[in-house]
Each structure stands twice: as structure tokens, then as C-alpha cells.
Amino acid sequence: MLKKRYAAWMYRWETKLTTLDENRVVRPLEWGFDWIEPFLREHRLGTAELRAAVSDDAGEQEAAMRHINEILIQHSDAFFGYERPADFRLEERYPQLFPTNVRPETLAHDAALRKQAENGELPRAQYLRFTSPERTRYPENDLVNARWFPAPAHKDSARPRQAIVVLPQWNADAFSHNALCHVFNRMGISALRLSKPYHDIRRPTELARSDYAVSANIGRTLSACRQAVVDIRCCIDWLEEQGYEHFGVLGTSLGSCYAFLASAHDKRIRVNAFNHASTAFGDVVWAGQSTRHIRRGLEDAGLTQDRLRALWSSISPISYYGKFASQASGGPDKKVLLIYAEYDLTFPREYSLQVVDSFRRHGVNFEPRVLPCGHYTTGETPYKYIDGWYMGSFVYRAFKELRREKAVRTAAGEPSDTAEAEEMLSR
């Protein structure tokens, strides 16, 4: 009885939090072939499908987009591949909030930060900037932004340098997850807090929210996901150039999806913290509370959950579980944390349990952790501290184990992980 009452209370709280923002926009279905066409033409793929894209028949267009997803899965190494940027640089500026909601307390916080910056009372921060290999029609979105949190130099000069790329949730403001980065610094781990495509400083001026990262435009959502994945991998490139040896990713919600896809296609990423995880991209959009406005636009066009799942299969973690597992078994072991919430209405629990089952069936070595809350309530007291403990303690232990592994390999005269990574990239 007590458990049922707690569940009912949690579901009410979760629903309240998912309905606070009133600036969500319902947009109509768009196939968005133009967003994926440049990749297909460059790699001479999907020629027949692109011809069908100009048809006036919605059935033919849907079939073409479905086939394009099948092609992208078959050629995922190319789809999530890229040319290393040549314009990495660090810049300093005052941090800005870039809010995505119009709640009075949020706007007041944003105004206070702006005032502090004007008065020189706000410390400047460093940001890694570079041009994303995936180009869009929005120049501000294509200039990647990652706040840099370098860990202090360790007194042991032989200690390997370690770093993690942090990806907050969908529609996160620019301060979300910064506290985690400071925690990692205290562990001796540097952090790059990546602004995902169409988020904070990368958000086009026409938007109040980060709508273009996930929307009823099928092709643009594919492009945004590809851009996020290659941006993560580019961040690893820059960290390598700075002399870092061990790398990790931590992603929350949508950031978890991006982090998984990057790790499935990059052996260098050894430490993986997936904070809220699900199987198929389309299932979450269709069934989740926070994407009801997207579902409405898709439903108005006659789509169903099964059909949407196929249209976004190439950016769904479920399509790459085998690849992720082979990355872990074919090279240095990946260390994985999987967190899900018992009362989640955004990443419904049934899909998270499917991830747990799939990881086990594929032989992935992972640690499952369950939060006694929902998706949005994860950010509330006391659940945010439980979640932070799960992530922080895992990252600490995982990187410590990598240091131990290196010490053993060095003592045995074996090549380092860095040497193996360089050999892999040179092939």
C-alpha cells in the first residue's frame, strides 16, 4: 500500500514538472531529406531513395526515409565518421545561462548573471571552440562550444592524464552539469562540458528552446544526432592533442543517447556513464511526457509508434548494442554505468529495462543503478544527490581502474592504450 501511494505521489510530481514549461511548440511532420542528402551524396549512397524523396506520395517518402535509415545503420562507421577539425582553439568569456523556459525564477537568475558580468563580478570561463564536421544551415550551431574544466596538475608526473566529456539533458541551460565537472576536477579528472547541437550558445536566434535537436522534422533530427556524435569524438581528438590518455563520456537523457552512439563507434572512450537510458529513439519521443508536443505533430500526419521507430532507427542505441559490445570485447574493456528511474514518464521504465536485458544478453560489463524517482524529479532534492553519488563514485572508480591497468601494462612492458589508439586511427 505504501509503495502504491509513493508511486502515485511521484507520478503526480513528475507530471507537474513536465508541464511547467508553456513555450513548447507543436510543429508539423517534415521528412527533411535535405538534411541527410549531403552525406548520402558524398558517400554515393541512397540514390534511389533520394529520387523517391521528390515524390508527392507520402507513402513513397516514408518508405524512402525508412530505407535511408537502413543504409545509415549498414554504414554507421561512415555516418558517425568525420574529418578532424583544424581550428581547435580556446576562448575566454563570461558564462551565460541561455535559459529555455520563461519561468520567473529562471529569468531572474539570467538577469542576475548578466548584471554580474557587466560589473565584472563573474569569473570568466574557458571554452573549446571548433567548427563541427557536420554542417547545417545555422552558422551559430556549427561552431561547437564546450566549457573547459581542466584538473590541476597532479604531483605525480607519471600519473596518466584523464578527461571526460559531459553532455547534459535536452533543453539544458548552459550551467547544467557544471557542478559535476567541478567534482571530477577534485578527482584529478578534467572535463569538457559540451553544448549539444542547437543548445545554449549554439541555439539559433529564432528558437526559444532547443527544438531542432529533436523535432517532427525527421531528417533534421538525424542530422542533429550525427552532429552531436562527431562533436563528442572531436572533443576526444582535442584532448588527445593536449596529452590526455584515458577518456570517458557522461550523458544524461538525450545526452546519454549521444554518448552511447559515440562510444559504440570510438574505442578510445573507455568510461561510460549513461544517466537515463532507453532503447529506440522513436519509442521515447512517442511515449515520453516531455515530447508530447512532437508526437502531436507526428500523429496529425498519421504516423504510428512502430513507423516512427523505423524512421529514427539509425540514431537508436538498440541498433548498435552488438557494435558497442564488440568494441568492448575487441579491445580494452569499456566500463559502463547504466542509471534509470523507477517512475520515469519521459524515458518509460519498460524501455530502460530492455536496455538492461540487452546489455546482459550482449555480454556488456556494466553496473545498473535504479533511482527511486522519475526523469524530471532526478533534478530535485534528495534525488539529485543520489544520482550525483552514483555518477561520481562510478567515474572515480572507473578512472582509478584505468590507472591501475596502465601501471600493470607498463610493468609488463606492454604497449599503452594511447599507442593502440594511434595505431587504430592511422589505419
Protein backbone atom coordinates (compact mmCIF):
# COMPACT_ATOMS: atom_id res chain seq x y z
CA MET A 1 0.00 0.00 0.00
CA LEU A 2 2.78 2.43 0.93
CA LYS A 3 4.62 1.67 -2.32
CA LYS A 4 1.47 2.43 -4.35
CA ARG A 5 0.97 5.73 -2.55
CA TYR A 6 4.59 6.68 -3.12
CA ALA A 7 4.29 5.81 -6.82
CA ALA A 8 1.10 7.88 -7.18
CA TRP A 9 2.77 10.83 -5.43
CA MET A 10 5.86 10.53 -7.62
CA TYR A 11 3.82 10.34 -10.83
CA ARG A 12 1.89 13.48 -9.83
CA TRP A 13 5.12 15.33 -9.08
CA GLU A 14 6.75 14.15 -12.28
CA THR A 15 3.73 15.20 -14.35
CA LYS A 16 3.69 18.62 -12.71
CA LEU A 17 7.34 19.19 -13.57
CA THR A 18 6.88 18.11 -17.19
CA THR A 19 4.05 20.60 -17.67
CA LEU A 20 5.70 23.69 -16.16
CA ASP A 21 7.10 24.97 -19.45
CA GLU A 22 4.48 26.57 -21.63
CA ASN A 23 6.70 27.53 -24.57
CA ARG A 24 6.75 24.15 -26.31
CA VAL A 25 5.74 24.42 -29.96
CA VAL A 26 3.81 21.81 -31.97
CA ARG A 27 5.39 21.56 -35.41
CA PRO A 28 4.10 19.57 -38.40
CA LEU A 29 5.81 16.50 -39.81
CA GLU A 30 8.58 17.24 -42.28
CA TRP A 31 10.60 14.47 -43.92
CA GLY A 32 13.76 16.57 -44.02
CA PHE A 33 15.55 14.70 -46.80
CA ASP A 34 17.62 17.82 -47.46
CA TRP A 35 19.28 17.43 -44.05
CA ILE A 36 20.63 13.98 -44.82
CA GLU A 37 21.17 14.34 -48.58
CA PRO A 38 24.71 15.84 -48.37
CA PHE A 39 26.02 12.78 -46.51
CA LEU A 40 24.33 10.33 -48.88
CA ARG A 41 25.62 12.06 -52.00
CA GLU A 42 29.16 12.39 -50.62
CA HIS A 43 29.26 8.65 -49.95
CA ARG A 44 27.26 7.69 -53.05
CA LEU A 45 24.52 6.07 -51.01
CA GLY A 46 20.73 6.12 -51.21
CA THR A 47 20.48 7.33 -54.79
CA ALA A 48 17.14 5.61 -55.40
CA GLU A 49 15.81 6.80 -52.05
CA LEU A 50 16.69 10.41 -52.83
CA ARG A 51 14.83 10.13 -56.12
CA ALA A 52 11.77 8.91 -54.24
CA ALA A 53 12.10 11.84 -51.86
CA VAL A 54 10.82 14.28 -54.50
CA SER A 55 7.63 12.27 -54.90
CA ASP A 56 4.34 13.82 -53.87
CA ASP A 57 3.28 10.48 -52.41
CA ALA A 58 3.70 10.44 -48.61
CA GLY A 59 3.90 6.65 -48.61
CA GLU A 60 6.82 6.68 -51.03
CA GLN A 61 8.56 9.38 -48.99
CA GLU A 62 8.15 7.42 -45.77
CA ALA A 63 9.46 4.25 -47.41
CA ALA A 64 12.46 6.16 -48.75
CA MET A 65 13.30 7.57 -45.32
CA ARG A 66 12.92 4.14 -43.77
CA HIS A 67 15.34 2.67 -46.32
CA ILE A 68 17.76 5.54 -45.71
CA ASN A 69 17.86 4.57 -42.04
CA GLU A 70 18.70 1.00 -43.01
CA ILE A 71 21.53 2.31 -45.19
CA LEU A 72 22.85 4.51 -42.39
CA ILE A 73 22.93 1.58 -39.98
CA GLN A 74 24.84 -0.52 -42.51
CA HIS A 75 27.31 2.34 -43.00
CA SER A 76 27.31 3.71 -39.46
CA ASP A 77 31.11 3.99 -39.30
CA ALA A 78 30.89 6.48 -42.15
CA PHE A 79 27.72 8.16 -40.85
CA PHE A 80 29.31 8.80 -37.47
CA GLY A 81 32.74 9.33 -39.00
CA TYR A 82 34.33 12.70 -39.74
CA GLU A 83 37.43 14.66 -40.69
CA ARG A 84 39.28 16.03 -37.69
CA PRO A 85 38.75 19.81 -37.38
CA ALA A 86 41.75 22.05 -37.99
CA ASP A 87 40.52 25.07 -36.00
CA PHE A 88 40.55 23.96 -32.35
CA ARG A 89 41.01 26.95 -30.05
CA LEU A 90 40.25 28.11 -26.52
CA GLU A 91 38.41 31.35 -25.87
CA GLU A 92 37.53 33.17 -22.66
CA ARG A 93 34.21 34.84 -21.94
CA TYR A 94 31.70 35.44 -19.19
CA PRO A 95 29.38 32.44 -18.72
CA GLN A 96 25.78 32.96 -19.80
CA LEU A 97 22.73 30.94 -18.80
CA PHE A 98 20.85 30.70 -22.14
CA PRO A 99 17.53 29.69 -20.48
CA THR A 100 15.00 27.60 -22.37
CA ASN A 101 11.97 28.37 -20.22
CA VAL A 102 10.21 31.58 -19.20
CA ARG A 103 9.67 30.83 -15.53
CA PRO A 104 10.14 33.97 -13.37
CA GLU A 105 12.88 32.39 -11.25
CA THR A 106 14.84 31.36 -14.35
CA LEU A 107 14.61 34.79 -15.93
CA ALA A 108 15.66 36.39 -12.64
CA HIS A 109 18.70 34.11 -12.47
CA ASP A 110 19.62 35.00 -16.05
CA ALA A 111 19.29 38.74 -15.33
CA ALA A 112 21.45 38.43 -12.21
CA LEU A 113 24.21 36.66 -14.15
CA ARG A 114 24.14 39.31 -16.86
CA LYS A 115 24.41 42.05 -14.23
CA GLN A 116 27.37 40.31 -12.58
CA ALA A 117 29.10 40.03 -15.95
CA GLU A 118 28.51 43.72 -16.70
CA ASN A 119 30.04 44.65 -13.34
CA GLY A 120 32.99 42.30 -13.79
CA GLU A 121 31.89 40.28 -10.75
CA LEU A 122 31.56 36.99 -12.64
CA PRO A 123 34.72 34.94 -13.27
CA ARG A 124 35.50 34.33 -16.92
CA ALA A 125 35.48 30.76 -18.17
CA GLN A 126 37.38 28.92 -20.90
CA TYR A 127 35.59 27.32 -23.83
CA LEU A 128 36.83 24.97 -26.50
CA ARG A 129 35.57 26.12 -29.91
CA PHE A 130 35.86 24.46 -33.31
CA THR A 131 33.83 24.00 -36.47
CA SER A 132 31.68 20.88 -36.45
CA PRO A 133 32.35 18.41 -39.28
CA GLU A 134 28.56 18.13 -39.73
CA ARG A 135 27.43 21.40 -41.30
CA THR A 136 23.91 22.78 -41.07
CA ARG A 137 22.24 25.95 -42.29
CA TYR A 138 22.88 27.63 -38.92
CA PRO A 139 26.42 29.02 -38.51
CA GLU A 140 25.97 29.51 -34.76
CA ASN A 141 25.06 25.84 -34.37
CA ASP A 142 28.07 24.68 -36.38
CA LEU A 143 30.53 26.44 -34.06
CA VAL A 144 30.95 23.84 -31.34
CA ASN A 145 31.15 25.03 -27.75
CA ALA A 146 32.49 23.07 -24.77
CA ARG A 147 33.25 24.65 -21.43
CA TRP A 148 36.70 23.57 -20.27
CA PHE A 149 37.27 22.42 -16.71
CA PRO A 150 40.96 21.42 -16.52
CA ALA A 151 42.02 19.47 -13.46
CA PRO A 152 45.05 20.81 -11.56
CA ALA A 153 48.34 19.15 -12.43
CA HIS A 154 48.94 16.11 -10.24
CA LYS A 155 52.01 15.90 -8.04
CA ASP A 156 52.81 12.52 -9.63
CA SER A 157 54.12 13.40 -13.09
CA ALA A 158 53.80 9.76 -14.19
CA ARG A 159 50.06 9.68 -13.49
CA PRO A 160 48.13 9.39 -16.79
CA ARG A 161 46.05 12.43 -17.69
CA GLN A 162 42.35 11.61 -17.76
CA ALA A 163 39.33 13.50 -19.06
CA ILE A 164 35.61 13.12 -19.55
CA VAL A 165 33.12 14.73 -21.97
CA VAL A 166 29.88 15.68 -20.22
CA LEU A 167 26.55 16.02 -22.07
CA PRO A 168 23.52 17.35 -20.14
CA GLN A 169 19.88 16.69 -20.93
CA TRP A 170 17.77 18.05 -23.78
CA ASN A 171 16.98 21.76 -23.37
CA ALA A 172 19.57 22.13 -20.62
CA ASP A 173 20.77 25.64 -19.92
CA ALA A 174 24.48 26.40 -20.07
CA PHE A 175 25.03 25.86 -16.33
CA SER A 176 23.54 22.38 -16.16
CA HIS A 177 26.07 19.70 -15.07
CA ASN A 178 28.81 22.26 -14.37
CA ALA A 179 28.82 21.18 -10.71
CA LEU A 180 29.64 17.63 -11.80
CA CYS A 181 32.63 18.92 -13.74
CA HIS A 182 33.97 20.61 -10.60
CA VAL A 183 33.56 17.30 -8.74
CA PHE A 184 35.54 15.50 -11.41
CA ASN A 185 38.29 18.12 -11.16
CA ARG A 186 38.65 17.28 -7.47
CA MET A 187 39.22 13.67 -8.54
CA GLY A 188 42.04 14.80 -10.83
CA ILE A 189 39.86 14.34 -13.95
CA SER A 190 39.48 17.16 -16.48
CA ALA A 191 36.09 17.75 -18.07
CA LEU A 192 34.66 19.22 -21.25
CA ARG A 193 31.02 20.17 -20.76
CA LEU A 194 29.71 20.01 -24.33
CA SER A 195 26.88 22.20 -25.59
CA LYS A 196 24.85 19.81 -27.71
CA PRO A 197 23.65 20.87 -31.18
CA TYR A 198 21.07 23.68 -31.04
CA HIS A 199 21.72 24.22 -27.31
CA ASP A 200 22.69 27.38 -25.37
CA ILE A 201 25.15 29.47 -27.41
CA ARG A 202 24.58 27.20 -30.43
CA ARG A 203 20.83 27.81 -30.45
CA PRO A 204 19.57 29.76 -33.47
CA THR A 205 18.03 33.11 -32.56
CA GLU A 206 14.67 32.03 -33.99
CA LEU A 207 14.29 29.46 -31.19
CA ALA A 208 13.28 29.85 -27.55
CA ARG A 209 14.08 26.19 -26.84
CA SER A 210 16.48 23.63 -28.34
CA ASP A 211 13.70 22.34 -30.56
CA TYR A 212 15.75 21.46 -33.60
CA ALA A 213 17.73 18.78 -31.73
CA VAL A 214 14.58 16.64 -31.58
CA SER A 215 11.55 17.58 -33.64
CA ALA A 216 8.94 16.41 -36.11
CA ASN A 217 11.49 17.05 -38.87
CA ILE A 218 12.81 13.50 -39.37
CA GLY A 219 15.95 14.33 -41.34
CA ARG A 220 16.97 17.29 -39.19
CA THR A 221 16.79 15.10 -36.08
CA LEU A 222 19.06 12.56 -37.80
CA SER A 223 21.49 15.36 -38.67
CA ALA A 224 21.47 16.74 -35.11
CA CYS A 225 22.30 13.33 -33.70
CA ARG A 226 25.11 12.78 -36.19
CA GLN A 227 26.49 16.21 -35.35
CA ALA A 228 26.41 15.52 -31.62
CA VAL A 229 28.26 12.22 -32.03
CA VAL A 230 31.04 13.60 -34.22
CA ASP A 231 31.38 16.63 -31.93
CA ILE A 232 31.98 14.29 -28.98
CA ARG A 233 34.64 12.42 -30.94
CA CYS A 234 36.27 15.70 -31.97
CA CYS A 235 36.47 16.68 -28.30
CA ILE A 236 38.38 13.43 -27.69
CA ASP A 237 40.72 14.40 -30.55
CA TRP A 238 41.49 17.73 -28.89
CA LEU A 239 42.04 16.10 -25.53
CA GLU A 240 44.48 13.69 -27.15
CA GLU A 241 46.36 16.64 -28.59
CA GLN A 242 46.66 18.03 -25.05
CA GLY A 243 48.30 14.82 -23.86
CA TYR A 244 45.34 13.06 -22.24
CA GLU A 245 45.42 9.27 -22.30
CA HIS A 246 42.14 8.00 -20.80
CA PHE A 247 38.73 9.20 -21.93
CA GLY A 248 35.15 8.93 -20.79
CA VAL A 249 31.67 10.23 -21.56
CA LEU A 250 28.79 11.05 -19.25
CA GLY A 251 25.42 11.73 -20.81
CA THR A 252 22.03 12.47 -19.30
CA SER A 253 18.78 11.68 -21.13
CA LEU A 254 19.27 12.78 -24.76
CA GLY A 255 22.94 13.27 -23.88
CA SER A 256 23.02 9.61 -22.85
CA CYS A 257 21.86 8.56 -26.32
CA TYR A 258 24.54 10.70 -27.97
CA ALA A 259 27.21 9.41 -25.59
CA PHE A 260 26.31 5.78 -26.27
CA LEU A 261 26.42 6.22 -30.04
CA ALA A 262 29.81 7.95 -29.81
CA SER A 263 31.26 5.21 -27.63
CA ALA A 264 29.86 2.48 -29.87
CA HIS A 265 31.89 3.99 -32.71
CA ASP A 266 35.05 5.00 -30.81
CA LYS A 267 37.30 2.57 -28.91
CA ARG A 268 39.07 5.40 -27.16
CA ILE A 269 36.06 6.03 -24.93
CA ARG A 270 36.60 3.65 -22.00
CA VAL A 271 34.49 5.17 -19.20
CA ASN A 272 30.77 5.38 -19.96
CA ALA A 273 28.10 6.80 -17.64
CA PHE A 274 24.62 6.65 -19.17
CA ASN A 275 22.29 8.64 -16.90
CA HIS A 276 18.77 7.64 -18.03
CA ALA A 277 18.90 5.29 -20.98
CA SER A 278 16.40 3.84 -23.41
CA THR A 279 16.29 1.64 -26.49
CA ALA A 280 14.71 3.20 -29.57
CA PHE A 281 14.75 6.95 -30.23
CA GLY A 282 11.22 6.85 -31.67
CA ASP A 283 9.78 4.99 -28.69
CA VAL A 284 10.92 7.66 -26.25
CA VAL A 285 9.60 10.51 -28.40
CA TRP A 286 6.27 8.75 -28.86
CA ALA A 287 5.73 7.56 -25.29
CA GLY A 288 7.52 10.21 -23.21
CA GLN A 289 5.70 13.03 -21.43
CA SER A 290 8.20 15.74 -22.35
CA THR A 291 7.84 15.07 -26.10
CA ARG A 292 4.05 15.12 -26.30
CA HIS A 293 4.16 18.21 -28.49
CA ILE A 294 6.36 16.39 -31.02
CA ARG A 295 4.12 13.33 -31.00
CA ARG A 296 1.10 15.55 -31.70
CA GLY A 297 2.66 16.83 -34.92
CA LEU A 298 3.58 13.30 -35.98
CA GLU A 299 0.17 11.88 -35.10
CA ASP A 300 -1.55 14.63 -37.05
CA ALA A 301 0.32 13.33 -40.11
CA GLY A 302 -0.91 9.79 -39.44
CA LEU A 303 2.31 8.26 -38.12
CA THR A 304 2.31 5.48 -35.51
CA GLN A 305 4.87 4.48 -32.91
CA ASP A 306 6.10 1.49 -34.94
CA ARG A 307 6.55 3.59 -38.05
CA LEU A 308 8.37 6.34 -36.17
CA ARG A 309 10.70 3.77 -34.62
CA ALA A 310 11.83 2.74 -38.10
CA LEU A 311 12.28 6.33 -39.25
CA TRP A 312 14.79 7.00 -36.45
CA SER A 313 16.34 3.54 -36.21
CA SER A 314 19.76 4.80 -37.35
CA ILE A 315 20.08 7.01 -34.28
CA SER A 316 18.65 4.49 -31.83
CA PRO A 317 21.00 2.81 -29.34
CA ILE A 318 19.21 -0.51 -29.90
CA SER A 319 20.64 -0.63 -33.43
CA TYR A 320 24.20 -0.66 -32.09
CA TYR A 321 24.20 -2.86 -28.98
CA GLY A 322 26.19 -5.51 -30.85
CA LYS A 323 28.66 -2.92 -32.08
CA PHE A 324 29.06 -1.47 -28.59
CA ALA A 325 29.65 -4.94 -27.15
CA SER A 326 32.22 -5.78 -29.86
CA GLN A 327 34.02 -2.51 -29.14
CA ALA A 328 34.29 -3.62 -25.52
CA SER A 329 35.35 -7.19 -26.30
CA GLY A 330 37.55 -6.42 -29.29
CA GLY A 331 39.80 -4.01 -27.41
CA PRO A 332 40.31 -2.60 -23.92
CA ASP A 333 37.24 -3.24 -21.77
CA LYS A 334 34.66 -0.46 -21.58
CA LYS A 335 33.48 0.43 -18.10
CA VAL A 336 29.77 1.18 -18.08
CA LEU A 337 27.26 2.67 -15.65
CA LEU A 338 23.56 2.49 -16.52
CA ILE A 339 21.14 4.57 -14.45
CA TYR A 340 17.39 4.51 -14.86
CA ALA A 341 14.46 5.78 -12.78
CA GLU A 342 11.73 3.61 -11.34
CA TYR A 343 8.96 6.17 -12.00
CA ASP A 344 10.17 7.71 -15.25
CA LEU A 345 7.47 9.15 -17.53
CA THR A 346 9.91 10.57 -20.09
CA PHE A 347 12.13 7.51 -20.62
CA PRO A 348 9.47 4.95 -19.62
CA ARG A 349 10.81 2.25 -17.31
CA GLU A 350 9.89 -0.60 -19.68
CA TYR A 351 12.37 0.69 -22.26
CA SER A 352 15.13 1.13 -19.69
CA LEU A 353 14.62 -2.46 -18.56
CA GLN A 354 15.02 -3.53 -22.18
CA VAL A 355 18.44 -1.83 -22.16
CA VAL A 356 19.42 -3.76 -19.03
CA ASP A 357 18.29 -7.02 -20.64
CA SER A 358 20.05 -6.26 -23.93
CA PHE A 359 23.32 -5.34 -22.22
CA ARG A 360 23.25 -8.63 -20.37
CA ARG A 361 22.46 -10.64 -23.50
CA HIS A 362 25.29 -8.95 -25.39
CA GLY A 363 27.75 -9.55 -22.58
CA VAL A 364 28.34 -5.89 -21.75
CA ASN A 365 30.12 -5.45 -18.41
CA PHE A 366 28.00 -2.78 -16.71
CA GLU A 367 26.71 -1.55 -13.35
CA PRO A 368 22.94 -0.94 -13.19
CA ARG A 369 21.61 1.63 -10.72
CA VAL A 370 17.96 2.48 -10.07
CA LEU A 371 16.71 5.87 -8.84
CA PRO A 372 13.56 5.93 -6.67
CA CYS A 373 12.10 8.84 -8.66
CA GLY A 374 11.26 9.92 -12.20
CA HIS A 375 13.05 11.70 -15.03
CA TYR A 376 12.49 15.32 -14.05
CA THR A 377 12.47 14.61 -10.32
CA THR A 378 16.05 13.37 -10.70
CA GLY A 379 16.99 17.04 -10.57
CA GLU A 380 15.15 17.58 -7.27
CA THR A 381 16.32 17.07 -3.69
CA PRO A 382 17.19 14.44 -2.48
CA TYR A 383 17.30 12.50 -5.74
CA LYS A 384 19.88 14.71 -7.42
CA TYR A 385 22.35 13.83 -4.68
CA ILE A 386 21.69 10.11 -5.09
CA ASP A 387 22.17 10.44 -8.83
CA GLY A 388 25.32 12.52 -8.34
CA TRP A 389 26.73 9.90 -5.98
CA TYR A 390 26.08 7.10 -8.48
CA MET A 391 27.80 9.01 -11.28
CA GLY A 392 30.65 10.48 -9.27
CA SER A 393 31.61 7.29 -7.45
CA PHE A 394 31.50 5.29 -10.69
CA VAL A 395 33.64 7.76 -12.63
CA TYR A 396 36.16 7.86 -9.76
CA ARG A 397 36.41 4.06 -9.61
CA ALA A 398 36.49 3.59 -13.37
CA PHE A 399 39.33 6.03 -13.99
CA LYS A 400 41.22 4.66 -10.99
CA GLU A 401 40.96 1.20 -12.55
CA LEU A 402 42.34 2.57 -15.84
CA ARG A 403 45.35 3.96 -13.98
CA ARG A 404 45.87 0.60 -12.33
CA GLU A 405 45.62 -1.17 -15.70
CA LYS A 406 48.23 1.14 -17.18
CA ALA A 407 50.60 0.52 -14.28
CA VAL A 408 50.29 -3.23 -14.78
CA ARG A 409 50.80 -2.95 -18.54
CA THR A 410 53.80 -0.69 -18.09
CA ALA A 411 55.35 -3.11 -15.61
CA ALA A 412 54.82 -5.94 -18.10
CA GLY A 413 56.32 -3.91 -20.94
CA GLU A 414 53.07 -3.89 -22.95
CA PRO A 415 52.04 -1.00 -25.28
CA SER A 416 49.86 1.73 -23.80
CA ASP A 417 46.23 2.39 -24.68
CA THR A 418 47.35 5.62 -26.35
CA ALA A 419 49.67 3.74 -28.69
CA GLU A 420 46.86 1.36 -29.60
CA ALA A 421 44.50 4.26 -30.27
CA GLU A 422 47.07 5.98 -32.50
CA GLU A 423 47.59 2.75 -34.43
CA MET A 424 43.82 2.35 -34.87
CA LEU A 425 43.39 5.91 -36.13
CA SER A 426 46.27 5.57 -38.59
CA ARG A 427 44.70 2.61 -40.36
